[in-house]
Each structure stands twice: as structure tokens, then as C-alpha cells.
Amino acid sequence: MNAASPKRLPARCQFIGAAIETERASPRYTGIDLWEPSDVLDAMVEGQFAAVAAVRAARAGIEEATRAMEARLVEGGRLVYAGAGTSGRLAVQDGAELMPTFSWPQERLLMLIAGGNQALLQAVEGAEDEAEHALNLIKRHNIGAEDVLIAAAASGTTPFTLACLRGAKAAGALTVGIANNPGTPLLSEADCPIFLDTGAEPIAGSTRMKAGTAQRIALNLLSSLLMIRLGRVYEGLMVDVQATNAKLTKRSENMLMHLTGRSGKDVGDALLHAGGSVKLAVLLLQGCSPEEGRSLLHRCGGKLRLALSELRQGRASSG
């Protein structure tokens, strides 16, 4: 930008649509610092119920976003989370849980938070306004048409988050926007907008409260439904769980006993030969060799239900 160029205002200053509800001081909570502790707690619990209600009202948008994400990710591509401050930390938390819970590949997961890893533990001054840095991150990581980016910001105007969404969309990625204010750029520009109508906070502007709870739930539902649709859950069980400790190894064994009715020794041996994969161990216990089981899962897109169905059909036709 040269000296004669007009100064570009942050996105939040350019937004002239609906008022930023999450920043508004509500008469409902005037004098909250004078209330009895029990009344303060009641008001804050009431806010948490409002957050749940806001997510329920947005479930059609969450379903639509999940279907679009599934169509994009079923053939590959990365799941990218973007955010700043509380929203960024919530997004990172959701993404980080996908690897141990559903064995989502680390190379297919990317988290972009304003201020970098330092911002996970403390506020980084000015980081959320660094739109240019956000665009550089999109380019540096080669985000493109195979990828899905989820951008979360309570205000819907955070420059870093909005720039991530705009850069990813321009590169052909599918974009999902999650915000708590209507008509904001993050929602109007996202391919799949999810509006969480939580309104004013008990402590004005403290979006770690109602808005944060609603975002946490929405992110949880979005990613969990996506993993179910991608075949990483079978019979309500986390069949793609990574057995990284004794507790999870025991859980894997219990799942196998539940699904196959086999003894502890049998499932233990199957898990060992399957390299800890519950899905593959199920197929081994059905008489497949490790190579046959891996090939079958690959043909079925990793979906155990389809693999078992194909295995039964093959045996029926050969019998």
C-alpha cells in the first residue's frame, strides 16, 4: 500500500449490517455484580440452556454442512479449522480430538489459529486482526479444491478468520462458517453458514460463555456426524479408535467381544494381528486374512458395515 492509498479498515469496522448482539450489554443482567451468587449461577446456567437451544435451531444448517463436507472428503482432502481467540481454541480442541477418537489421519488435519500455538494458552495481542498473515497461511499450506475449511468466530467479522475463509474459498475449498451474529460476512460468504443465535451474554462481550458453548456443541456435532457418515462409527462404537494406552486397548477388546461374541483371548490375538485396528480385527475373526481384510475395507471405503455385507454376500454366492 503506498502513501496515497486509503487505509483499509478491519472487517469488523466495515460491517454495517445487523448489530453485534454478542457485544451488547443486556438489561437482563444489569447489576449482576450485586446479585446473590445463587442468582448469578442461575442466570449463567440459563445462558447455557440458551446455547443448546441455539444449536438445536441450527441443526438443518449443521446437517447441510456435514453432507457437503462428506462429499468433499470422501475422496481425500484435508479438514481445516480456522479461528482466533476463544473460537480458535475451541476449533483446535475439536480437531485435535479427531485423531485419537476416529483415527482421522494427521496429514489430513490442519488447524489455523491467530497467533499460532502460543495463542492456545494465552491471548496474543493483535493476532486476530492479521488478515494478511491468514491469507499467507492459506497459500503456504496449499489449501485447495479437495479441502474443507471450518471457520468459527462469534462476531462473524474477525479479520483473521474471515481472511482464512475468503482465501480458502477463492482457492476452491468448501467453506463452513460458524458465527453467533446474523448477517455477518463469515455467514454471508461461507458456502455452508451455521448461525447460532445466542444473543447478549450475561457478561457483555464475554463470548467464552453462551456463544462459546454453542460453538463447542456445533463443532462437536458437525465433526461427529461427519465421522459417522464416513464410516468411522459402527453400531454406535468408535471402531476407528487408536489404542494408544491401556484404557483404549481394553475398550477395543470390549468392542470386539461385543461385536463378535468371541472370547477375550480370541479378540486379543485378532487385535494383535490387525495392528490394533478394530475394523480389521472384526474381519479377521470372520475368517479373513489380514491382506483380504485390508483389501475389503479399502474397496468399501473403510466402512465396516459394507465390508461385512460384501463378505457375507461373497460367501453366500460361493456356497
Protein backbone atom coordinates (compact mmCIF):
# COMPACT_ATOMS: atom_id res chain seq x y z
CA MET A 1 0.00 0.00 0.00
CA ASN A 2 1.50 3.39 -0.99
CA ALA A 3 1.14 6.65 0.95
CA ALA A 4 -1.74 7.80 -1.21
CA SER A 5 -3.76 4.61 -0.72
CA PRO A 6 -6.68 4.79 1.70
CA LYS A 7 -6.21 2.84 4.91
CA ARG A 8 -8.13 -0.43 4.84
CA LEU A 9 -10.37 -0.88 7.86
CA PRO A 10 -10.63 -4.21 9.66
CA ALA A 11 -13.58 -6.31 8.52
CA ARG A 12 -15.45 -5.73 11.77
CA CYS A 13 -15.36 -1.97 11.15
CA GLN A 14 -16.64 -2.37 7.61
CA PHE A 15 -19.61 -4.46 8.70
CA ILE A 16 -22.72 -2.29 8.70
CA GLY A 17 -25.37 -4.99 8.85
CA ALA A 18 -27.16 -6.14 11.98
CA ALA A 19 -25.83 -5.04 15.38
CA ILE A 20 -23.23 -7.26 17.02
CA GLU A 21 -25.55 -8.92 19.52
CA THR A 22 -22.78 -10.78 21.31
CA GLU A 23 -21.19 -7.44 22.28
CA ARG A 24 -24.38 -5.80 23.52
CA ALA A 25 -24.97 -5.15 27.22
CA SER A 26 -28.31 -6.69 28.15
CA PRO A 27 -30.69 -5.05 30.65
CA ARG A 28 -31.43 -8.59 31.81
CA TYR A 29 -28.04 -8.71 33.54
CA THR A 30 -27.76 -5.13 34.80
CA GLY A 31 -26.45 -5.19 38.36
CA ILE A 32 -25.29 -8.81 38.11
CA ASP A 33 -22.31 -7.93 40.30
CA LEU A 34 -24.77 -7.10 43.11
CA TRP A 35 -26.77 -10.33 42.85
CA GLU A 36 -26.59 -13.24 45.23
CA PRO A 37 -24.17 -15.94 43.99
CA SER A 38 -27.04 -18.39 43.52
CA ASP A 39 -28.85 -15.90 41.26
CA VAL A 40 -25.71 -15.29 39.23
CA LEU A 41 -25.28 -19.03 38.75
CA ASP A 42 -28.94 -19.42 37.78
CA ALA A 43 -28.52 -16.71 35.14
CA MET A 44 -25.39 -18.31 33.73
CA VAL A 45 -26.95 -21.79 33.67
CA GLU A 46 -29.93 -20.26 31.89
CA GLY A 47 -27.46 -18.97 29.32
CA GLN A 48 -26.06 -22.46 28.78
CA PHE A 49 -29.56 -23.78 28.07
CA ALA A 50 -29.97 -20.93 25.56
CA ALA A 51 -26.75 -22.07 23.88
CA VAL A 52 -28.10 -25.60 23.47
CA ALA A 53 -31.37 -24.21 22.08
CA ALA A 54 -29.42 -22.12 19.56
CA VAL A 55 -27.62 -25.22 18.29
CA ARG A 56 -30.87 -27.14 18.02
CA ALA A 57 -32.34 -24.34 15.94
CA ALA A 58 -29.32 -24.55 13.64
CA ARG A 59 -29.40 -28.32 13.11
CA ALA A 60 -30.61 -28.03 9.49
CA GLY A 61 -27.55 -25.94 8.67
CA ILE A 62 -25.29 -28.39 10.50
CA GLU A 63 -26.77 -31.30 8.53
CA GLU A 64 -26.39 -29.48 5.21
CA ALA A 65 -22.78 -28.60 6.01
CA THR A 66 -21.98 -32.19 7.00
CA ARG A 67 -23.38 -33.60 3.77
CA ALA A 68 -21.32 -31.15 1.74
CA MET A 69 -18.20 -31.96 3.78
CA GLU A 70 -18.73 -35.69 3.34
CA ALA A 71 -18.99 -35.34 -0.43
CA ARG A 72 -15.74 -33.37 -0.50
CA LEU A 73 -13.74 -35.51 1.94
CA VAL A 74 -14.81 -38.99 0.91
CA GLU A 75 -12.19 -38.99 -1.85
CA GLY A 76 -9.44 -37.40 0.25
CA GLY A 77 -8.54 -33.83 1.09
CA ARG A 78 -7.97 -32.13 4.40
CA LEU A 79 -10.20 -30.87 7.19
CA VAL A 80 -9.03 -27.38 8.13
CA TYR A 81 -10.11 -25.43 11.22
CA ALA A 82 -9.64 -21.65 11.46
CA GLY A 83 -10.31 -19.18 14.25
CA ALA A 84 -8.97 -16.64 16.72
CA GLY A 85 -9.20 -16.33 20.50
CA THR A 86 -11.87 -18.46 22.18
CA SER A 87 -13.31 -19.61 18.86
CA GLY A 88 -9.88 -20.63 17.62
CA ARG A 89 -9.13 -22.62 20.77
CA LEU A 90 -12.50 -24.37 20.55
CA ALA A 91 -11.85 -25.22 16.90
CA VAL A 92 -8.39 -26.60 17.65
CA GLN A 93 -9.79 -28.70 20.50
CA ASP A 94 -12.40 -30.23 18.23
CA GLY A 95 -9.87 -31.02 15.53
CA ALA A 96 -7.30 -32.45 17.93
CA GLU A 97 -9.81 -34.99 19.23
CA LEU A 98 -10.48 -36.47 15.78
CA MET A 99 -7.16 -38.34 15.59
CA PRO A 100 -7.39 -40.45 18.79
CA THR A 101 -11.18 -40.87 18.61
CA PHE A 102 -11.67 -41.65 14.94
CA SER A 103 -8.13 -42.22 13.62
CA TRP A 104 -8.52 -39.24 11.33
CA PRO A 105 -5.12 -39.02 9.59
CA GLN A 106 -2.87 -36.30 10.94
CA GLU A 107 -1.80 -35.36 7.43
CA ARG A 108 -5.45 -34.64 6.61
CA LEU A 109 -5.95 -32.25 9.53
CA LEU A 110 -4.84 -28.62 9.70
CA MET A 111 -5.52 -26.06 12.44
CA LEU A 112 -5.06 -22.34 11.76
CA ILE A 113 -5.30 -20.18 14.87
CA ALA A 114 -4.44 -16.50 15.03
CA GLY A 115 -1.19 -16.12 16.96
CA GLY A 116 -0.12 -19.73 16.40
CA ASN A 117 0.45 -22.30 19.14
CA GLN A 118 1.17 -19.58 21.70
CA ALA A 119 -2.46 -18.47 21.39
CA LEU A 120 -3.66 -21.84 22.69
CA LEU A 121 -2.51 -20.90 26.21
CA GLN A 122 -2.67 -17.10 26.25
CA ALA A 123 -4.02 -14.16 24.31
CA VAL A 124 -1.72 -12.87 21.57
CA GLU A 125 -2.26 -9.15 21.16
CA GLY A 126 -3.39 -8.07 17.70
CA ALA A 127 -3.25 -11.58 16.22
CA GLU A 128 -6.93 -11.68 15.30
CA ASP A 129 -6.50 -8.60 13.07
CA GLU A 130 -3.74 -10.14 10.93
CA ALA A 131 -5.70 -10.80 7.76
CA GLU A 132 -2.60 -10.79 5.56
CA HIS A 133 -1.00 -13.48 7.71
CA ALA A 134 -4.15 -15.59 7.35
CA LEU A 135 -4.00 -15.35 3.55
CA ASN A 136 -0.33 -16.34 3.63
CA LEU A 137 -1.19 -19.42 5.70
CA ILE A 138 -3.81 -20.48 3.14
CA LYS A 139 -1.23 -20.19 0.37
CA ARG A 140 1.60 -21.76 2.37
CA HIS A 141 -0.45 -24.88 3.12
CA ASN A 142 -1.74 -25.12 -0.46
CA ILE A 143 -5.36 -25.25 0.63
CA GLY A 144 -7.45 -26.03 -2.44
CA ALA A 145 -10.42 -27.72 -4.03
CA GLU A 146 -10.04 -31.04 -2.20
CA ASP A 147 -10.15 -29.39 1.23
CA VAL A 148 -12.85 -28.25 3.67
CA LEU A 149 -12.32 -25.23 5.92
CA ILE A 150 -14.41 -24.62 9.04
CA ALA A 151 -14.15 -21.01 10.24
CA ALA A 152 -15.58 -20.03 13.63
CA ALA A 153 -15.98 -16.52 15.08
CA ALA A 154 -18.66 -15.34 17.49
CA SER A 155 -18.74 -11.87 15.94
CA GLY A 156 -18.66 -13.19 12.38
CA THR A 157 -16.27 -10.37 11.48
CA THR A 158 -12.86 -11.36 12.92
CA PRO A 159 -10.32 -10.30 10.24
CA PHE A 160 -8.01 -13.33 10.60
CA THR A 161 -10.85 -15.84 10.45
CA LEU A 162 -12.67 -14.05 7.66
CA ALA A 163 -9.47 -13.88 5.60
CA CYS A 164 -8.94 -17.63 6.07
CA LEU A 165 -12.44 -18.28 4.80
CA ARG A 166 -12.08 -15.92 1.85
CA GLY A 167 -8.67 -17.28 0.87
CA ALA A 168 -9.80 -20.89 1.09
CA LYS A 169 -12.97 -20.21 -0.88
CA ALA A 170 -11.03 -18.40 -3.59
CA ALA A 171 -8.76 -21.46 -3.83
CA GLY A 172 -11.78 -23.72 -4.38
CA ALA A 173 -12.13 -25.23 -0.89
CA LEU A 174 -15.55 -25.86 0.62
CA THR A 175 -16.10 -23.33 3.42
CA VAL A 176 -18.23 -23.66 6.55
CA GLY A 177 -18.82 -20.53 8.63
CA ILE A 178 -19.96 -20.64 12.27
CA ALA A 179 -20.96 -17.35 13.90
CA ASN A 180 -23.28 -16.00 16.61
CA ASN A 181 -24.41 -12.81 14.88
CA PRO A 182 -26.78 -12.74 11.88
CA GLY A 183 -25.92 -11.22 8.54
CA THR A 184 -22.20 -11.06 9.23
CA PRO A 185 -19.58 -11.64 6.48
CA LEU A 186 -18.49 -15.01 7.83
CA LEU A 187 -22.02 -16.32 7.32
CA SER A 188 -22.91 -14.48 4.11
CA GLU A 189 -19.69 -15.55 2.37
CA ALA A 190 -19.46 -19.18 3.57
CA ASP A 191 -20.66 -21.98 1.30
CA CYS A 192 -22.35 -23.51 4.36
CA PRO A 193 -23.31 -20.95 7.04
CA ILE A 194 -24.27 -22.02 10.57
CA PHE A 195 -25.86 -19.23 12.62
CA LEU A 196 -26.00 -19.78 16.37
CA ASP A 197 -28.45 -17.25 17.81
CA THR A 198 -27.20 -16.91 21.41
CA GLY A 199 -27.76 -13.16 21.80
CA ALA A 200 -26.23 -10.98 24.51
CA GLU A 201 -24.01 -12.53 27.17
CA PRO A 202 -24.51 -12.35 30.97
CA ILE A 203 -21.14 -10.55 30.95
CA ALA A 204 -21.29 -8.28 27.90
CA GLY A 205 -18.88 -9.37 25.18
CA SER A 206 -17.64 -12.47 27.04
CA THR A 207 -18.25 -14.88 24.20
CA ARG A 208 -16.50 -17.68 26.08
CA MET A 209 -19.91 -18.12 27.73
CA LYS A 210 -23.10 -18.70 25.72
CA ALA A 211 -21.53 -18.17 22.30
CA GLY A 212 -18.56 -20.39 23.16
CA THR A 213 -20.76 -23.20 24.46
CA ALA A 214 -22.90 -23.10 21.33
CA GLN A 215 -19.82 -23.16 19.09
CA ARG A 216 -18.33 -26.08 21.04
CA ILE A 217 -21.54 -28.08 20.65
CA ALA A 218 -21.93 -27.21 16.97
CA LEU A 219 -18.32 -28.17 16.19
CA ASN A 220 -18.75 -31.42 18.13
CA LEU A 221 -21.95 -32.32 16.27
CA LEU A 222 -20.52 -31.34 12.90
CA SER A 223 -17.36 -33.42 13.21
CA SER A 224 -19.05 -36.37 14.93
CA LEU A 225 -21.78 -36.62 12.29
CA LEU A 226 -19.11 -36.33 9.60
CA MET A 227 -17.13 -39.21 11.11
CA ILE A 228 -20.28 -41.34 11.34
CA ARG A 229 -21.10 -40.62 7.69
CA LEU A 230 -17.54 -41.51 6.69
CA GLY A 231 -17.84 -44.94 8.33
CA ARG A 232 -15.69 -44.32 11.38
CA VAL A 233 -18.50 -45.43 13.71
CA TYR A 234 -20.23 -48.83 13.61
CA GLU A 235 -23.11 -49.94 15.83
CA GLY A 236 -22.59 -46.79 17.91
CA LEU A 237 -18.97 -47.75 18.64
CA MET A 238 -15.69 -45.94 17.92
CA VAL A 239 -14.32 -48.70 15.71
CA ASP A 240 -11.55 -46.43 14.41
CA VAL A 241 -10.26 -45.55 17.88
CA GLN A 242 -6.48 -45.55 18.28
CA ALA A 243 -5.47 -47.84 21.14
CA THR A 244 -2.72 -45.56 22.42
CA ASN A 245 -2.96 -46.57 26.08
CA ALA A 246 -4.15 -49.42 28.30
CA LYS A 247 -7.64 -47.96 28.69
CA LEU A 248 -8.18 -47.68 24.95
CA THR A 249 -6.73 -51.14 24.32
CA LYS A 250 -9.24 -52.56 26.79
CA ARG A 251 -12.01 -50.57 25.10
CA SER A 252 -11.01 -52.04 21.74
CA GLU A 253 -11.12 -55.56 23.17
CA ASN A 254 -14.55 -54.93 24.71
CA MET A 255 -15.85 -53.62 21.41
CA LEU A 256 -14.64 -56.73 19.63
CA MET A 257 -16.22 -59.06 22.18
CA HIS A 258 -19.48 -57.12 21.88
CA LEU A 259 -19.47 -57.18 18.07
CA THR A 260 -18.33 -60.75 17.54
CA GLY A 261 -19.25 -62.64 20.71
CA ARG A 262 -15.74 -64.08 20.82
CA SER A 263 -13.60 -64.65 23.91
CA GLY A 264 -11.02 -62.29 25.35
CA LYS A 265 -8.13 -64.41 24.08
CA ASP A 266 -9.53 -64.55 20.55
CA VAL A 267 -10.06 -60.80 20.33
CA GLY A 268 -6.65 -60.12 21.84
CA ASP A 269 -4.96 -62.27 19.20
CA ALA A 270 -7.04 -60.68 16.43
CA LEU A 271 -6.17 -57.17 17.58
CA LEU A 272 -2.51 -58.08 17.65
CA HIS A 273 -2.58 -59.43 14.08
CA ALA A 274 -4.67 -56.43 12.97
CA GLY A 275 -2.14 -53.95 14.30
CA GLY A 276 -4.71 -52.60 16.77
CA SER A 277 -7.39 -51.94 14.14
CA VAL A 278 -10.82 -52.93 15.47
CA LYS A 279 -12.32 -52.98 11.99
CA LEU A 280 -9.68 -55.29 10.61
CA ALA A 281 -9.83 -57.48 13.72
CA VAL A 282 -13.58 -57.97 13.18
CA LEU A 283 -12.87 -59.23 9.66
CA LEU A 284 -10.06 -61.47 10.90
CA LEU A 285 -12.48 -63.02 13.37
CA GLN A 286 -14.80 -63.65 10.42
CA GLY A 287 -12.08 -65.74 8.76
CA CYS A 288 -10.35 -63.16 6.54
CA SER A 289 -6.59 -62.98 6.29
CA PRO A 290 -5.03 -59.58 7.10
CA GLU A 291 -4.45 -58.94 3.39
CA GLU A 292 -8.02 -59.89 2.46
CA GLY A 293 -9.42 -57.76 5.26
CA ARG A 294 -7.40 -54.68 4.30
CA SER A 295 -8.39 -55.06 0.65
CA LEU A 296 -12.05 -55.47 1.57
CA LEU A 297 -12.04 -52.37 3.80
CA HIS A 298 -10.32 -50.37 1.08
CA ARG A 299 -12.95 -51.37 -1.50
CA CYS A 300 -15.71 -50.40 0.94
CA GLY A 301 -14.26 -47.00 1.72
CA GLY A 302 -13.34 -48.06 5.25
CA LYS A 303 -16.99 -48.78 6.15
CA LEU A 304 -17.16 -51.92 8.25
CA ARG A 305 -20.88 -52.46 7.68
CA LEU A 306 -20.38 -52.54 3.92
CA ALA A 307 -17.34 -54.79 4.25
CA LEU A 308 -19.25 -57.33 6.37
CA SER A 309 -22.17 -57.23 3.94
CA GLU A 310 -19.88 -57.85 0.98
CA LEU A 311 -18.16 -60.67 2.87
CA ARG A 312 -21.49 -62.38 3.60
CA GLN A 313 -22.70 -61.95 0.01
CA GLY A 314 -19.47 -63.40 -1.32
CA ARG A 315 -19.75 -66.43 0.93
CA ALA A 316 -23.40 -66.93 0.07
CA SER A 317 -22.74 -66.85 -3.67
CA SER A 318 -19.76 -69.20 -3.38
CA GLY A 319 -21.72 -71.59 -1.17
